[in-house]
Amino acid sequence: MLGFSVYFARSFADTEGKARAAGAFIVAEINMGHVRMIERAQIDEVRNTDSWWKQFDTIYLKHEEEKRDEFCIKDPSQILKWIMVMNDGRL
């Protein structure tokens, strides 16, 4: 929705409705770099495109419901550290 990128939510709880109900979470520390914040009305400016990559490293969607906020980084190299957390009872 925010273009071609790697997507993130702000917390475990904020992934509800964005990810599968069971499985793993990837928890990451990222370098957001130069951020463009948009609201829902501006989504068509970045939808299904990488045109924002020339000026920005990250797009942040400020949703009407704060827990629905999401952001995406243009390059996986912006991920500084990550771990995988299993949350489906298999461990």
N, C-alpha and C. Protein backbone atom coordinates (compact mmCIF):
# COMPACT_ATOMS: atom_id res chain seq x y z
N MET A 1 0.81 -1.20 0.00
CA MET A 1 0.00 0.00 0.00
C MET A 1 0.86 1.26 0.00
N LEU A 2 1.98 1.25 0.72
CA LEU A 2 2.84 2.44 0.78
C LEU A 2 3.96 2.39 -0.25
N GLY A 3 3.84 1.53 -1.20
CA GLY A 3 4.87 1.42 -2.22
C GLY A 3 5.68 0.15 -2.04
N PHE A 4 6.74 0.03 -2.81
CA PHE A 4 7.60 -1.14 -2.77
C PHE A 4 8.60 -0.98 -1.65
N SER A 5 8.45 -1.75 -0.58
CA SER A 5 9.28 -1.53 0.59
C SER A 5 9.19 -2.69 1.57
N VAL A 6 9.87 -2.52 2.70
CA VAL A 6 9.80 -3.44 3.82
C VAL A 6 8.92 -2.76 4.87
N TYR A 7 7.84 -3.43 5.27
CA TYR A 7 6.82 -2.83 6.13
C TYR A 7 7.01 -3.18 7.61
N PHE A 8 6.62 -2.23 8.47
CA PHE A 8 6.69 -2.41 9.91
C PHE A 8 5.47 -1.80 10.59
N ALA A 9 5.12 -2.36 11.74
CA ALA A 9 4.16 -1.75 12.66
C ALA A 9 4.96 -1.26 13.86
N ARG A 10 4.32 -0.54 14.76
CA ARG A 10 5.05 0.02 15.90
C ARG A 10 5.17 -0.93 17.08
N SER A 11 4.34 -1.97 17.15
CA SER A 11 4.40 -2.91 18.28
C SER A 11 3.78 -4.24 17.87
N PHE A 12 3.92 -5.25 18.76
CA PHE A 12 3.26 -6.53 18.51
C PHE A 12 1.76 -6.33 18.32
N ALA A 13 1.15 -5.59 19.25
CA ALA A 13 -0.30 -5.38 19.20
C ALA A 13 -0.71 -4.68 17.91
N ASP A 14 0.13 -3.79 17.43
CA ASP A 14 -0.21 -3.04 16.22
C ASP A 14 -0.15 -3.88 14.95
N THR A 15 0.38 -5.10 15.04
CA THR A 15 0.38 -5.96 13.86
C THR A 15 -0.96 -6.65 13.65
N GLU A 16 -1.82 -6.61 14.66
CA GLU A 16 -3.15 -7.22 14.53
C GLU A 16 -3.85 -6.66 13.30
N GLY A 17 -4.34 -7.55 12.47
CA GLY A 17 -5.02 -7.12 11.25
C GLY A 17 -4.08 -6.85 10.09
N LYS A 18 -2.77 -6.91 10.35
CA LYS A 18 -1.79 -6.68 9.29
C LYS A 18 -1.02 -7.95 8.97
N ALA A 19 -1.01 -8.87 9.90
CA ALA A 19 -0.22 -10.09 9.73
C ALA A 19 -1.10 -11.29 10.07
N ARG A 20 -0.57 -12.45 9.86
CA ARG A 20 -1.31 -13.67 10.19
C ARG A 20 -1.55 -13.76 11.69
N ALA A 21 -2.56 -14.52 12.06
CA ALA A 21 -2.93 -14.64 13.47
C ALA A 21 -1.91 -15.44 14.27
N ALA A 22 -1.14 -16.29 13.63
CA ALA A 22 -0.17 -17.11 14.34
C ALA A 22 1.12 -17.16 13.54
N GLY A 23 2.19 -17.44 14.23
CA GLY A 23 3.46 -17.55 13.53
C GLY A 23 4.55 -16.79 14.23
N ALA A 24 5.34 -16.07 13.48
CA ALA A 24 6.50 -15.38 14.03
C ALA A 24 6.41 -13.88 13.78
N PHE A 25 7.00 -13.14 14.69
CA PHE A 25 7.19 -11.70 14.53
C PHE A 25 8.66 -11.47 14.27
N ILE A 26 8.97 -10.54 13.41
CA ILE A 26 10.35 -10.09 13.26
C ILE A 26 10.42 -8.74 13.95
N VAL A 27 11.19 -8.69 15.01
CA VAL A 27 11.36 -7.47 15.80
C VAL A 27 12.67 -6.84 15.34
N ALA A 28 12.61 -5.58 14.94
CA ALA A 28 13.79 -4.98 14.32
C ALA A 28 14.08 -3.58 14.86
N GLU A 29 15.36 -3.28 14.89
CA GLU A 29 15.81 -1.91 15.09
C GLU A 29 16.19 -1.40 13.71
N ILE A 30 15.62 -0.27 13.32
CA ILE A 30 15.87 0.22 11.97
C ILE A 30 16.36 1.66 12.00
N ASN A 31 17.04 2.03 10.94
CA ASN A 31 17.43 3.42 10.71
C ASN A 31 16.38 4.00 9.77
N MET A 32 15.53 4.86 10.29
CA MET A 32 14.45 5.41 9.46
C MET A 32 14.95 6.47 8.49
N GLY A 33 16.10 7.08 8.76
CA GLY A 33 16.64 8.07 7.84
C GLY A 33 15.70 9.25 7.66
N HIS A 34 15.59 9.72 6.43
CA HIS A 34 14.72 10.86 6.10
C HIS A 34 13.30 10.34 5.90
N VAL A 35 12.37 10.81 6.73
CA VAL A 35 11.01 10.26 6.78
C VAL A 35 9.99 11.22 6.16
N ARG A 36 9.12 10.68 5.34
CA ARG A 36 7.95 11.43 4.87
C ARG A 36 6.74 10.88 5.60
N MET A 37 6.05 11.73 6.34
CA MET A 37 4.84 11.31 7.04
C MET A 37 3.64 11.69 6.17
N ILE A 38 2.75 10.73 5.97
CA ILE A 38 1.55 10.99 5.20
C ILE A 38 0.32 10.59 6.00
N GLU A 39 -0.81 11.10 5.59
CA GLU A 39 -2.10 10.69 6.15
C GLU A 39 -2.84 9.91 5.08
N ARG A 40 -3.91 9.28 5.48
CA ARG A 40 -4.67 8.40 4.59
C ARG A 40 -5.03 9.07 3.25
N ALA A 41 -5.37 10.35 3.29
CA ALA A 41 -5.77 11.06 2.07
C ALA A 41 -4.63 11.18 1.06
N GLN A 42 -3.40 10.99 1.50
CA GLN A 42 -2.24 11.12 0.61
C GLN A 42 -1.73 9.78 0.10
N ILE A 43 -2.39 8.71 0.44
CA ILE A 43 -1.88 7.37 0.13
C ILE A 43 -1.66 7.14 -1.37
N ASP A 44 -2.49 7.71 -2.21
CA ASP A 44 -2.34 7.50 -3.65
C ASP A 44 -1.05 8.10 -4.20
N GLU A 45 -0.43 9.01 -3.47
CA GLU A 45 0.84 9.61 -3.90
C GLU A 45 1.99 8.61 -3.83
N VAL A 46 1.85 7.58 -3.00
CA VAL A 46 2.94 6.61 -2.82
C VAL A 46 2.53 5.17 -3.14
N ARG A 47 1.26 4.94 -3.36
CA ARG A 47 0.76 3.57 -3.58
C ARG A 47 1.43 2.93 -4.80
N ASN A 48 1.94 1.71 -4.59
CA ASN A 48 2.52 0.89 -5.66
C ASN A 48 3.58 1.60 -6.49
N THR A 49 4.44 2.34 -5.83
CA THR A 49 5.50 3.04 -6.54
C THR A 49 6.74 3.16 -5.66
N ASP A 50 7.86 3.41 -6.29
CA ASP A 50 9.09 3.70 -5.55
C ASP A 50 9.53 5.14 -5.83
N SER A 51 8.64 5.96 -6.33
CA SER A 51 8.98 7.34 -6.70
C SER A 51 9.47 8.17 -5.51
N TRP A 52 9.07 7.82 -4.31
CA TRP A 52 9.49 8.57 -3.12
C TRP A 52 10.92 8.25 -2.70
N TRP A 53 11.51 7.21 -3.25
CA TRP A 53 12.85 6.78 -2.86
C TRP A 53 13.92 7.83 -3.10
N LYS A 54 13.75 8.70 -4.07
CA LYS A 54 14.78 9.70 -4.37
C LYS A 54 14.94 10.71 -3.25
N GLN A 55 13.85 11.02 -2.54
CA GLN A 55 13.89 12.04 -1.49
C GLN A 55 13.81 11.49 -0.08
N PHE A 56 13.25 10.28 0.08
CA PHE A 56 12.99 9.76 1.42
C PHE A 56 13.49 8.33 1.57
N ASP A 57 13.79 7.98 2.83
CA ASP A 57 14.19 6.62 3.16
C ASP A 57 13.02 5.81 3.71
N THR A 58 12.04 6.52 4.28
CA THR A 58 10.93 5.87 4.97
C THR A 58 9.64 6.65 4.72
N ILE A 59 8.56 5.92 4.55
CA ILE A 59 7.22 6.52 4.51
C ILE A 59 6.50 6.09 5.78
N TYR A 60 5.94 7.06 6.49
CA TYR A 60 5.20 6.78 7.73
C TYR A 60 3.74 7.17 7.51
N LEU A 61 2.84 6.19 7.62
CA LEU A 61 1.41 6.46 7.48
C LEU A 61 0.81 6.71 8.85
N LYS A 62 0.42 7.94 9.09
CA LYS A 62 -0.25 8.32 10.34
C LYS A 62 -1.73 8.07 10.13
N HIS A 63 -2.18 6.97 10.67
CA HIS A 63 -3.56 6.52 10.49
C HIS A 63 -4.49 7.25 11.46
N GLU A 64 -5.78 7.26 11.14
CA GLU A 64 -6.76 7.88 12.04
C GLU A 64 -6.75 7.21 13.41
N GLU A 65 -6.57 5.88 13.42
CA GLU A 65 -6.42 5.13 14.66
C GLU A 65 -4.93 4.91 14.88
N GLU A 66 -4.40 5.45 15.96
CA GLU A 66 -2.96 5.41 16.19
C GLU A 66 -2.38 4.00 16.10
N LYS A 67 -3.11 3.00 16.61
CA LYS A 67 -2.58 1.63 16.59
C LYS A 67 -2.49 1.06 15.18
N ARG A 68 -3.05 1.71 14.20
CA ARG A 68 -3.00 1.25 12.81
C ARG A 68 -1.85 1.92 12.03
N ASP A 69 -1.11 2.83 12.66
CA ASP A 69 0.03 3.46 12.00
C ASP A 69 0.96 2.37 11.45
N GLU A 70 1.59 2.66 10.33
CA GLU A 70 2.57 1.74 9.78
C GLU A 70 3.61 2.53 9.00
N PHE A 71 4.73 1.91 8.79
CA PHE A 71 5.76 2.57 8.02
C PHE A 71 6.52 1.55 7.21
N CYS A 72 7.18 2.03 6.19
CA CYS A 72 8.00 1.14 5.39
C CYS A 72 9.30 1.84 5.03
N ILE A 73 10.34 1.04 5.01
CA ILE A 73 11.66 1.52 4.64
C ILE A 73 11.96 1.08 3.22
N LYS A 74 12.73 1.86 2.51
CA LYS A 74 12.97 1.53 1.10
C LYS A 74 14.02 0.45 0.89
N ASP A 75 14.89 0.26 1.88
CA ASP A 75 16.02 -0.63 1.66
C ASP A 75 16.24 -1.53 2.88
N PRO A 76 16.32 -2.82 2.69
CA PRO A 76 16.57 -3.73 3.82
C PRO A 76 17.85 -3.40 4.59
N SER A 77 18.79 -2.69 3.97
CA SER A 77 20.02 -2.33 4.69
C SER A 77 19.74 -1.34 5.82
N GLN A 78 18.55 -0.77 5.88
CA GLN A 78 18.16 0.11 6.98
C GLN A 78 17.83 -0.68 8.24
N ILE A 79 17.73 -2.00 8.12
CA ILE A 79 17.50 -2.85 9.29
C ILE A 79 18.85 -3.06 9.96
N LEU A 80 18.99 -2.54 11.17
CA LEU A 80 20.25 -2.59 11.89
C LEU A 80 20.42 -3.88 12.68
N LYS A 81 19.34 -4.32 13.34
CA LYS A 81 19.33 -5.55 14.13
C LYS A 81 17.95 -6.16 14.02
N TRP A 82 17.87 -7.47 14.14
CA TRP A 82 16.56 -8.10 14.16
C TRP A 82 16.62 -9.44 14.88
N ILE A 83 15.48 -9.83 15.42
CA ILE A 83 15.31 -11.16 16.00
C ILE A 83 13.94 -11.66 15.57
N MET A 84 13.78 -12.97 15.58
CA MET A 84 12.49 -13.56 15.26
C MET A 84 11.88 -14.08 16.55
N VAL A 85 10.62 -13.74 16.79
CA VAL A 85 9.92 -14.15 17.99
C VAL A 85 8.74 -15.02 17.57
N MET A 86 8.74 -16.27 18.05
CA MET A 86 7.65 -17.19 17.73
C MET A 86 6.50 -16.94 18.69
N ASN A 87 5.29 -16.94 18.16
CA ASN A 87 4.13 -16.64 18.99
C ASN A 87 2.97 -17.57 18.65
N ASP A 88 3.27 -18.84 18.41
CA ASP A 88 2.19 -19.74 18.01
C ASP A 88 2.13 -21.02 18.85
N GLY A 89 2.84 -21.06 19.97
CA GLY A 89 2.76 -22.20 20.87
C GLY A 89 3.63 -23.39 20.48
N ARG A 90 4.40 -23.31 19.42
CA ARG A 90 5.23 -24.44 19.01
C ARG A 90 6.51 -24.55 19.82
N LEU A 91 6.91 -23.49 20.49
CA LEU A 91 8.17 -23.54 21.25
C LEU A 91 7.92 -23.84 22.71
